[in-house]
């Protein structure tokens, strides 16, 4: 509201016109300077407005405008989606090399579900050390919530995933352990049939993100509609959104219209001939 007021020309011009009216009144009106002591309140007020107030007013507006611009920039930066690269099918050595090459290029490294199943959660600190980036443990927890969430905590992950189809007790257990360990929780909506109902339940269970995910098998079989599901979730919830499933530089613009918090890109980066160039191109799409 303050920004709208300051940035509207009519408003600051009105404030300046008010100052000019005071100046006129004190100079030539019925309370003009003739016959008044130069130390009278009216004359001192006029002198302040004339000699000091103009500069103070201008400097105050300038400082306020600068501060509001910084706040606006910070807000836009905060709204900028983070780019998460998913590592699913590489070897550990290949994954570490990729993670190291993407330092400063992407925002998050994901230890994908098949990657963790093959090599264990011990790969998480290796990816973190190589990249210097937060690592997402895509465990897709479906049972044993507290125990598996603790695995992610102990491995030093920044986020952990739980399947939205898991029992409420599982989800709440993941949330409790993850939050106690400083992790955020993504509820992956993969396989949920009644999305509208489950999203409301997940919000109450305390997850941090809703994950809209077009699964690989369903996507290849032509059985997913990622954009429709994103639209449904954003229409009923203000939760932060993670979007995954076959994203690339060409499909990303439509997703970005929904202002997701995180976009997940897998093979378009990890399987590219030049992963750094591919990631940079996708970042340029995100940056507009």
Protein backbone atom coordinates (compact mmCIF):
# COMPACT_ATOMS: atom_id res chain seq x y z
CA UNK A 1 0.00 0.00 0.00
CA UNK A 2 2.84 2.38 0.81
CA UNK A 3 4.51 1.61 -2.48
CA UNK A 4 1.28 2.25 -4.38
CA UNK A 5 0.84 5.61 -2.60
CA UNK A 6 4.41 6.79 -3.16
CA UNK A 7 4.64 5.55 -6.73
CA UNK A 8 1.43 7.34 -7.77
CA UNK A 9 2.38 10.76 -9.17
CA UNK A 10 -0.86 12.36 -7.96
CA UNK A 11 -0.02 11.52 -4.34
CA UNK A 12 3.48 12.93 -4.10
CA UNK A 13 2.45 15.92 -6.18
CA UNK A 14 -0.42 16.49 -3.77
CA UNK A 15 2.02 16.35 -0.83
CA UNK A 16 4.25 18.90 -2.56
CA UNK A 17 1.26 21.13 -3.35
CA UNK A 18 0.37 21.08 0.35
CA UNK A 19 3.88 22.28 1.18
CA UNK A 20 3.61 25.08 -1.37
CA UNK A 21 0.28 26.19 0.13
CA UNK A 22 1.91 26.38 3.56
CA UNK A 23 4.74 28.40 2.03
CA UNK A 24 2.28 30.83 0.42
CA UNK A 25 0.20 31.15 3.54
CA UNK A 26 3.18 31.96 5.75
CA UNK A 27 4.68 34.36 3.21
CA UNK A 28 1.70 36.42 1.99
CA UNK A 29 -1.43 35.33 3.82
CA UNK A 30 -3.00 36.81 6.93
CA UNK A 31 -0.19 35.29 8.97
CA UNK A 32 2.50 36.73 6.72
CA UNK A 33 5.88 37.75 8.04
CA UNK A 34 5.13 41.51 8.19
CA UNK A 35 4.96 42.49 11.84
CA UNK A 36 5.98 39.04 13.08
CA UNK A 37 9.14 38.43 15.02
CA UNK A 38 11.74 36.53 13.05
CA UNK A 39 11.74 34.12 15.96
CA UNK A 40 7.96 33.56 15.90
CA UNK A 41 6.77 29.97 15.39
CA UNK A 42 5.20 30.82 12.05
CA UNK A 43 8.38 32.33 10.63
CA UNK A 44 10.56 29.60 12.04
CA UNK A 45 8.27 26.97 10.54
CA UNK A 46 8.36 28.71 7.18
CA UNK A 47 12.16 29.00 7.28
CA UNK A 48 12.44 25.32 8.11
CA UNK A 49 10.07 24.34 5.28
CA UNK A 50 11.80 26.68 2.82
CA UNK A 51 15.43 26.01 3.69
CA UNK A 52 15.48 22.59 5.30
CA UNK A 53 12.16 20.92 4.70
CA UNK A 54 12.53 20.75 0.93
CA UNK A 55 15.79 18.85 1.21
CA UNK A 56 14.51 16.62 3.99
CA UNK A 57 11.33 15.89 2.06
CA UNK A 58 13.25 15.07 -1.10
CA UNK A 59 15.82 12.94 0.73
CA UNK A 60 13.10 11.11 2.64
CA UNK A 61 11.21 10.30 -0.54
CA UNK A 62 14.44 9.18 -2.19
CA UNK A 63 15.36 6.91 0.75
CA UNK A 64 11.84 5.51 0.93
CA UNK A 65 11.76 4.83 -2.79
CA UNK A 66 15.16 3.13 -2.64
CA UNK A 67 14.10 0.97 0.29
CA UNK A 68 10.86 -0.02 -1.38
CA UNK A 69 12.70 -0.89 -4.58
CA UNK A 70 15.02 -3.17 -2.59
CA UNK A 71 12.02 -4.80 -0.92
CA UNK A 72 10.35 -5.25 -4.30
CA UNK A 73 13.55 -6.76 -5.77
CA UNK A 74 13.84 -9.11 -2.81
CA UNK A 75 10.21 -10.12 -3.23
CA UNK A 76 10.73 -10.87 -6.91
CA UNK A 77 13.90 -12.80 -6.11
CA UNK A 78 12.06 -14.78 -3.47
CA UNK A 79 9.33 -15.60 -6.01
CA UNK A 80 11.84 -16.77 -8.62
CA UNK A 81 11.55 -20.55 -8.97
CA UNK A 82 14.54 -22.60 -7.91
CA UNK A 83 15.99 -25.06 -10.39
CA UNK A 84 16.46 -28.58 -9.06
CA UNK A 85 18.35 -31.14 -11.13
CA UNK A 86 17.34 -34.76 -10.57
CA UNK A 87 20.00 -37.45 -10.66
CA UNK A 88 18.40 -40.85 -11.21
CA UNK A 89 20.41 -43.24 -13.37
CA UNK A 90 24.04 -42.10 -13.17
CA UNK A 91 26.82 -43.89 -11.34
CA UNK A 92 28.12 -42.30 -8.15
CA UNK A 93 31.25 -41.01 -9.89
CA UNK A 94 29.19 -39.55 -12.73
CA UNK A 95 26.77 -37.97 -10.27
CA UNK A 96 29.54 -36.38 -8.21
CA UNK A 97 31.16 -34.99 -11.36
CA UNK A 98 27.83 -33.60 -12.54
CA UNK A 99 27.06 -32.07 -9.15
CA UNK A 100 30.47 -30.40 -9.05
CA UNK A 101 30.01 -28.96 -12.55
CA UNK A 102 26.64 -27.48 -11.62
CA UNK A 103 27.91 -25.56 -8.59
CA UNK A 104 26.58 -22.03 -8.97
CA UNK A 105 24.47 -22.99 -11.98
CA UNK A 106 21.46 -24.72 -10.39
CA UNK A 107 19.87 -24.24 -6.99
CA UNK A 108 19.26 -27.77 -5.72
CA UNK A 109 20.63 -31.24 -6.36
CA UNK A 110 18.22 -34.15 -6.12
CA UNK A 111 19.32 -37.62 -5.16
CA UNK A 112 16.57 -39.32 -7.15
CA UNK A 113 14.61 -42.33 -5.98
CA UNK A 114 16.35 -44.95 -8.19
CA UNK A 115 19.73 -43.40 -7.42
CA UNK A 116 19.20 -43.65 -3.65
CA UNK A 117 17.78 -47.18 -3.97
CA UNK A 118 20.88 -48.26 -5.85
CA UNK A 119 23.54 -46.54 -3.77
CA UNK A 120 21.93 -45.64 -0.44
CA UNK A 121 21.53 -42.37 1.43
CA UNK A 122 25.32 -42.18 1.83
CA UNK A 123 25.43 -40.49 -1.58
CA UNK A 124 23.69 -37.42 -0.16
CA UNK A 125 26.69 -35.94 1.70
CA UNK A 126 28.87 -36.70 -1.31
CA UNK A 127 26.60 -34.73 -3.61
CA UNK A 128 26.41 -31.91 -1.11
CA UNK A 129 30.19 -31.72 -0.75
CA UNK A 130 30.74 -31.81 -4.51
CA UNK A 131 28.15 -29.17 -5.38
CA UNK A 132 28.03 -26.96 -2.30
CA UNK A 133 24.25 -27.01 -2.80
CA UNK A 134 21.28 -28.24 -0.77
CA UNK A 135 20.39 -31.84 -1.60
CA UNK A 136 16.88 -33.22 -1.90
CA UNK A 137 16.40 -36.79 -0.70
CA UNK A 138 13.68 -38.07 -3.02
CA UNK A 139 12.83 -41.03 -0.81
CA UNK A 140 9.10 -41.00 -1.68
CA UNK A 141 8.39 -42.33 1.80
CA UNK A 142 5.26 -44.45 1.91
CA UNK A 143 5.61 -46.16 5.30
CA UNK A 144 7.93 -46.09 8.29
CA UNK A 145 7.79 -42.31 8.08
CA UNK A 146 9.78 -41.27 11.16
CA UNK A 147 12.54 -43.84 10.56
CA UNK A 148 13.04 -43.01 6.90
CA UNK A 149 12.81 -39.26 7.51
CA UNK A 150 15.57 -39.65 10.09
CA UNK A 151 17.74 -41.28 7.42
CA UNK A 152 17.45 -38.08 5.39
CA UNK A 153 18.17 -35.94 8.44
CA UNK A 154 21.27 -37.94 9.35
CA UNK A 155 22.53 -37.80 5.75
CA UNK A 156 22.36 -34.00 5.74
CA UNK A 157 19.57 -33.53 3.22
CA UNK A 158 17.73 -30.22 2.96
CA UNK A 159 14.38 -31.60 1.77
CA UNK A 160 12.75 -35.01 1.84
CA UNK A 161 9.78 -36.35 -0.10
CA UNK A 162 6.81 -38.35 1.14
CA UNK A 163 4.14 -39.86 -1.08
CA UNK A 164 0.83 -38.10 -0.68
CA UNK A 165 -0.86 -41.51 -0.90
CA UNK A 166 0.82 -42.56 2.36
CA UNK A 167 -1.25 -42.81 5.51
CA UNK A 168 -1.78 -39.63 7.50
CA UNK A 169 0.25 -41.15 10.34
CA UNK A 170 3.16 -41.65 7.97
CA UNK A 171 2.99 -38.11 6.61
CA UNK A 172 2.75 -36.54 10.07
CA UNK A 173 5.63 -38.70 11.27
CA UNK A 174 7.79 -37.52 8.37
CA UNK A 175 6.85 -33.90 9.05
CA UNK A 176 7.63 -34.16 12.76
CA UNK A 177 11.06 -35.76 12.33
CA UNK A 178 12.06 -33.68 9.30
CA UNK A 179 11.12 -30.38 10.90
CA UNK A 180 12.92 -31.33 14.11
CA UNK A 181 16.02 -31.94 11.98
CA UNK A 182 15.68 -28.72 10.00
CA UNK A 183 14.40 -30.29 6.77
CA UNK A 184 11.42 -29.31 4.66
CA UNK A 185 8.90 -31.84 3.39
CA UNK A 186 7.53 -32.24 -0.13
CA UNK A 187 4.31 -34.24 -0.50
CA UNK A 188 4.45 -35.90 -3.93
CA UNK A 189 0.94 -36.10 -5.37
CA UNK A 190 1.93 -38.95 -7.70
CA UNK A 191 -0.93 -41.46 -7.82
CA UNK A 192 -3.46 -39.37 -5.88
CA UNK A 193 -6.95 -39.73 -7.37
CA UNK A 194 -8.87 -37.12 -5.39
CA UNK A 195 -6.32 -34.31 -5.55
CA UNK A 196 -8.61 -31.60 -4.16
CA UNK A 197 -9.43 -33.57 -1.03
CA UNK A 198 -5.88 -34.79 -0.39
CA UNK A 199 -4.29 -31.36 -0.82
CA UNK A 200 -6.43 -29.98 2.00
CA UNK A 201 -5.50 -32.90 4.23
CA UNK A 202 -1.80 -32.51 3.49
CA UNK A 203 -1.91 -28.83 4.34
CA UNK A 204 -3.33 -29.69 7.75
CA UNK A 205 -0.65 -32.35 8.25
CA UNK A 206 2.01 -29.65 7.92
CA UNK A 207 3.94 -30.43 4.74
CA UNK A 208 5.91 -27.55 3.24
CA UNK A 209 5.40 -28.15 -0.49
CA UNK A 210 2.92 -29.82 -2.80
CA UNK A 211 4.69 -31.82 -5.47
CA UNK A 212 2.85 -32.04 -8.79
CA UNK A 213 4.54 -34.88 -10.60
CA UNK A 214 3.95 -36.44 -13.99
CA UNK A 215 5.38 -39.93 -13.43
CA UNK A 216 7.65 -41.43 -16.06
CA UNK A 217 5.58 -44.54 -16.80
CA UNK A 218 2.25 -42.72 -16.96
CA UNK A 219 3.78 -39.94 -19.03
CA UNK A 220 5.21 -42.36 -21.58
CA UNK A 221 1.82 -44.08 -21.76
CA UNK A 222 0.15 -40.74 -22.38
CA UNK A 223 -1.86 -40.90 -19.18
CA UNK A 224 -0.92 -37.64 -17.48
CA UNK A 225 -1.97 -34.02 -17.78
CA UNK A 226 0.58 -32.08 -15.80
CA UNK A 227 -0.75 -28.63 -16.60
CA UNK A 228 -4.31 -29.49 -15.59
CA UNK A 229 -3.12 -30.85 -12.25
CA UNK A 230 -0.98 -27.77 -11.61
CA UNK A 231 -4.02 -25.61 -12.36
CA UNK A 232 -6.19 -27.63 -9.99
CA UNK A 233 -3.71 -27.48 -7.12
CA UNK A 234 -3.04 -23.76 -7.47
CA UNK A 235 -6.79 -23.07 -7.66
CA UNK A 236 -7.45 -24.67 -4.27
CA UNK A 237 -4.22 -24.08 -2.37
CA UNK A 238 -1.63 -21.38 -1.73
CA UNK A 239 1.00 -23.94 -0.72
CA UNK A 240 4.42 -23.72 -2.33
CA UNK A 241 4.60 -25.88 -5.42
CA UNK A 242 7.23 -28.29 -6.73
CA UNK A 243 6.71 -29.37 -10.34
CA UNK A 244 8.41 -32.38 -11.91
CA UNK A 245 8.00 -34.70 -14.86
CA UNK A 246 9.69 -34.39 -18.23
CA UNK A 247 10.37 -30.66 -17.95
CA UNK A 248 12.71 -28.96 -20.40
CA UNK A 249 13.37 -25.49 -21.78
CA UNK A 250 10.42 -25.80 -24.17
CA UNK A 251 7.80 -27.01 -21.69
CA UNK A 252 8.90 -24.78 -18.81
CA UNK A 253 7.26 -21.45 -19.81
CA UNK A 254 3.75 -22.82 -19.32
CA UNK A 255 4.68 -24.16 -15.88
CA UNK A 256 6.24 -20.86 -14.83
CA UNK A 257 2.90 -19.11 -15.31
CA UNK A 258 1.78 -20.82 -12.08
CA UNK A 259 4.76 -19.46 -10.08
CA UNK A 260 6.11 -22.73 -8.67
CA UNK A 261 8.68 -22.55 -5.89
CA UNK A 262 10.83 -25.29 -7.44
CA UNK A 263 10.99 -26.80 -10.91
CA UNK A 264 12.64 -30.19 -11.26
CA UNK A 265 14.55 -31.08 -14.42
CA UNK A 266 16.11 -34.49 -14.88
CA UNK A 267 17.40 -35.97 -18.10
CA UNK A 268 17.27 -32.66 -19.99
CA UNK A 269 20.22 -31.63 -17.83
CA UNK A 270 21.70 -34.84 -16.40
CA UNK A 271 21.54 -36.61 -19.79
CA UNK A 272 22.64 -33.68 -21.92
CA UNK A 273 25.93 -33.67 -23.83
CA UNK A 274 26.74 -30.40 -22.05
CA UNK A 275 24.84 -30.36 -18.74
CA UNK A 276 26.14 -26.93 -17.74
CA UNK A 277 24.97 -25.36 -20.99
CA UNK A 278 21.62 -27.12 -20.70
CA UNK A 279 21.15 -25.94 -17.10
CA UNK A 280 22.18 -22.41 -18.05
CA UNK A 281 19.65 -22.37 -20.86
CA UNK A 282 16.89 -23.47 -18.49
CA UNK A 283 17.94 -20.84 -15.95
CA UNK A 284 17.66 -18.23 -18.68
CA UNK A 285 14.08 -19.37 -19.30
CA UNK A 286 13.34 -19.08 -15.58
CA UNK A 287 14.89 -15.61 -15.47
CA UNK A 288 12.76 -14.55 -18.40
